Protein backbone atom coordinates (compact mmCIF):
# COMPACT_ATOMS: atom_id res chain seq x y z
CA UNK A 1 0.00 0.00 0.00
CA UNK A 2 1.42 3.36 -1.05
CA UNK A 3 1.61 6.20 1.41
CA UNK A 4 0.67 9.62 0.07
CA UNK A 5 0.80 13.03 1.68
CA UNK A 6 -1.77 15.78 1.53
CA UNK A 7 -0.97 19.45 2.13
CA UNK A 8 -3.20 21.08 4.71
CA UNK A 9 -3.15 24.53 6.28
CA UNK A 10 -2.39 24.41 10.00
CA UNK A 11 -4.51 26.33 12.48
CA UNK A 12 -3.56 29.28 14.64
CA UNK A 13 -2.57 27.21 17.70
CA UNK A 14 -0.02 25.17 15.74
CA UNK A 15 1.41 28.34 14.20
CA UNK A 16 1.59 30.12 17.57
CA UNK A 17 3.19 27.03 19.10
CA UNK A 18 5.95 27.13 16.50
CA UNK A 19 6.33 30.89 17.04
CA UNK A 20 6.73 30.35 20.78
CA UNK A 21 9.46 27.73 20.28
CA UNK A 22 11.27 29.98 17.80
CA UNK A 23 10.95 32.96 20.15
CA UNK A 24 12.78 30.99 22.85
CA UNK A 25 15.61 30.21 20.42
CA UNK A 26 15.86 33.81 19.22
CA UNK A 27 15.94 35.12 22.80
CA UNK A 28 18.78 32.70 23.54
CA UNK A 29 20.69 33.97 20.49
CA UNK A 30 20.08 37.57 21.58
CA UNK A 31 21.41 36.74 25.04
CA UNK A 32 24.61 35.31 23.53
CA UNK A 33 25.04 38.38 21.32
CA UNK A 34 24.47 40.65 24.31
CA UNK A 35 27.03 38.76 26.38
CA UNK A 36 29.58 39.10 23.57
CA UNK A 37 29.05 42.86 23.44
CA UNK A 38 29.22 43.48 27.20
CA UNK A 39 33.05 43.72 27.28
CA UNK A 40 32.72 46.75 24.98
CA UNK A 41 30.60 48.53 27.61
CA UNK A 42 32.64 47.51 30.64
CA UNK A 43 29.88 45.12 31.65
CA UNK A 44 27.24 47.86 31.76
CA UNK A 45 23.81 47.37 30.21
CA UNK A 46 23.27 48.73 26.73
CA UNK A 47 20.47 51.24 27.31
CA UNK A 48 19.18 54.46 25.78
CA UNK A 49 21.75 57.21 25.87
CA UNK A 50 24.35 55.31 27.91
CA UNK A 51 26.71 53.90 25.34
CA UNK A 52 26.20 56.16 22.33
CA UNK A 53 26.80 54.66 18.91
CA UNK A 54 27.04 51.13 20.33
CA UNK A 55 23.35 51.32 21.21
CA UNK A 56 22.34 51.60 17.54
CA UNK A 57 24.83 48.92 16.53
CA UNK A 58 23.39 46.67 19.23
CA UNK A 59 19.86 47.15 17.92
CA UNK A 60 21.06 46.42 14.38
CA UNK A 61 22.70 43.20 15.60
CA UNK A 62 19.46 42.08 17.27
CA UNK A 63 17.45 42.75 14.10
CA UNK A 64 20.09 41.01 11.96
CA UNK A 65 19.95 37.92 14.20
CA UNK A 66 16.15 37.87 13.90
CA UNK A 67 16.21 38.14 10.10
CA UNK A 68 19.11 35.69 9.73
CA UNK A 69 17.41 33.10 11.94
CA UNK A 70 14.30 32.95 9.77
CA UNK A 71 16.09 33.57 6.49
CA UNK A 72 18.62 30.79 6.90
CA UNK A 73 16.00 28.23 7.87
CA UNK A 74 13.29 29.25 5.41
CA UNK A 75 15.59 29.54 2.38
CA UNK A 76 17.36 26.23 3.06
CA UNK A 77 14.76 23.84 4.52
CA UNK A 78 11.42 25.62 4.54
CA UNK A 79 11.02 25.42 8.29
CA UNK A 80 12.58 26.73 11.48
CA UNK A 81 13.31 24.49 14.44
CA UNK A 82 10.02 25.55 16.04
CA UNK A 83 8.16 24.77 12.84
CA UNK A 84 9.84 21.36 12.65
CA UNK A 85 8.63 20.55 16.16
CA UNK A 86 5.08 21.38 15.08
CA UNK A 87 5.50 19.67 11.67
CA UNK A 88 4.76 22.70 9.53
CA UNK A 89 6.57 24.29 6.59
CA UNK A 90 6.53 27.63 4.82
CA UNK A 91 6.72 27.78 1.06
CA UNK A 92 6.02 30.09 -1.82
CA UNK A 93 2.69 29.80 -3.59
CA UNK A 94 4.46 27.83 -6.34
CA UNK A 95 5.67 25.28 -3.76
CA UNK A 96 9.34 26.35 -3.84
CA UNK A 97 11.50 27.45 -0.92
CA UNK A 98 11.43 31.12 0.02
CA UNK A 99 14.08 33.52 -1.24
CA UNK A 100 15.64 36.18 0.98
CA UNK A 101 13.29 38.76 -0.56
CA UNK A 102 10.32 36.52 0.28
CA UNK A 103 11.67 36.17 3.82
CA UNK A 104 11.92 39.93 4.32
CA UNK A 105 8.41 40.48 2.92
CA UNK A 106 6.96 37.72 5.10
CA UNK A 107 8.65 38.97 8.29
CA UNK A 108 7.53 42.56 7.71
CA UNK A 109 3.99 41.45 6.91
CA UNK A 110 3.92 39.12 9.94
CA UNK A 111 4.67 42.07 12.22
CA UNK A 112 1.65 43.87 10.76
CA UNK A 113 -0.48 40.72 11.13
CA UNK A 114 0.49 40.41 14.77
CA UNK A 115 0.08 44.08 15.70
CA UNK A 116 -3.73 44.34 15.91
CA UNK A 117 -4.06 41.63 18.58
CA UNK A 118 -3.03 38.94 16.09
CA UNK A 119 -5.99 39.64 13.81
CA UNK A 120 -3.89 38.93 10.73
CA UNK A 121 -3.25 35.41 11.97
CA UNK A 122 -6.91 34.74 12.75
CA UNK A 123 -7.75 35.86 9.22
CA UNK A 124 -7.08 32.26 8.14
CA UNK A 125 -10.54 31.38 9.46
CA UNK A 126 -12.09 33.91 7.06
CA UNK A 127 -9.97 33.00 4.02
CA UNK A 128 -11.20 30.08 1.91
CA UNK A 129 -7.60 28.85 1.43
CA UNK A 130 -6.83 29.39 5.15
CA UNK A 131 -4.16 32.03 4.57
CA UNK A 132 -3.13 34.75 7.00
CA UNK A 133 -2.53 38.37 6.02
CA UNK A 134 1.20 37.82 5.75
CA UNK A 135 0.64 34.68 3.63
CA UNK A 136 -1.41 36.78 1.23
CA UNK A 137 0.91 39.80 1.17
CA UNK A 138 4.13 37.81 0.77
CA UNK A 139 2.62 35.22 -1.62
CA UNK A 140 3.68 32.40 0.71
CA UNK A 141 1.79 29.78 2.69
CA UNK A 142 2.24 27.59 5.72
CA UNK A 143 1.47 23.92 5.15
CA UNK A 144 1.39 20.66 7.02
CA UNK A 145 1.91 17.38 5.21
CA UNK A 146 -0.55 14.79 6.52
CA UNK A 147 -0.17 11.10 5.74
CA UNK A 148 -2.96 9.53 3.75
CA UNK A 149 -2.99 5.76 3.37
């Protein structure tokens, strides 16, 4: 008997579960980056107005880590570690892996989707193809492959 797989669109809880796992990983990476920069401040916290130009560089490093985390995973395997734990993937509408441009569009759109109390994520219940705002705007989709026997 052959095993086939069907693509389905995961619900909000599965997506938020993956986001939570990824958030823990990103926070850990930010903590490592912060620890590496502390010798430059004499061990003092990097806060508004305290360390001058290093403050802006620090913010840029945090944003770069965030973008690199998603970009490296999405462009190479179609899923982050959090997404792998929840068995979901992100892909372009044509089924291919995301490019870096797709990644940037999706991340920017996801911030907008999340801003109004996550309304953009819950939009999948209104969309006939179960897409969120950022799926629509970035021409990507989140899928789950379910076994069909």
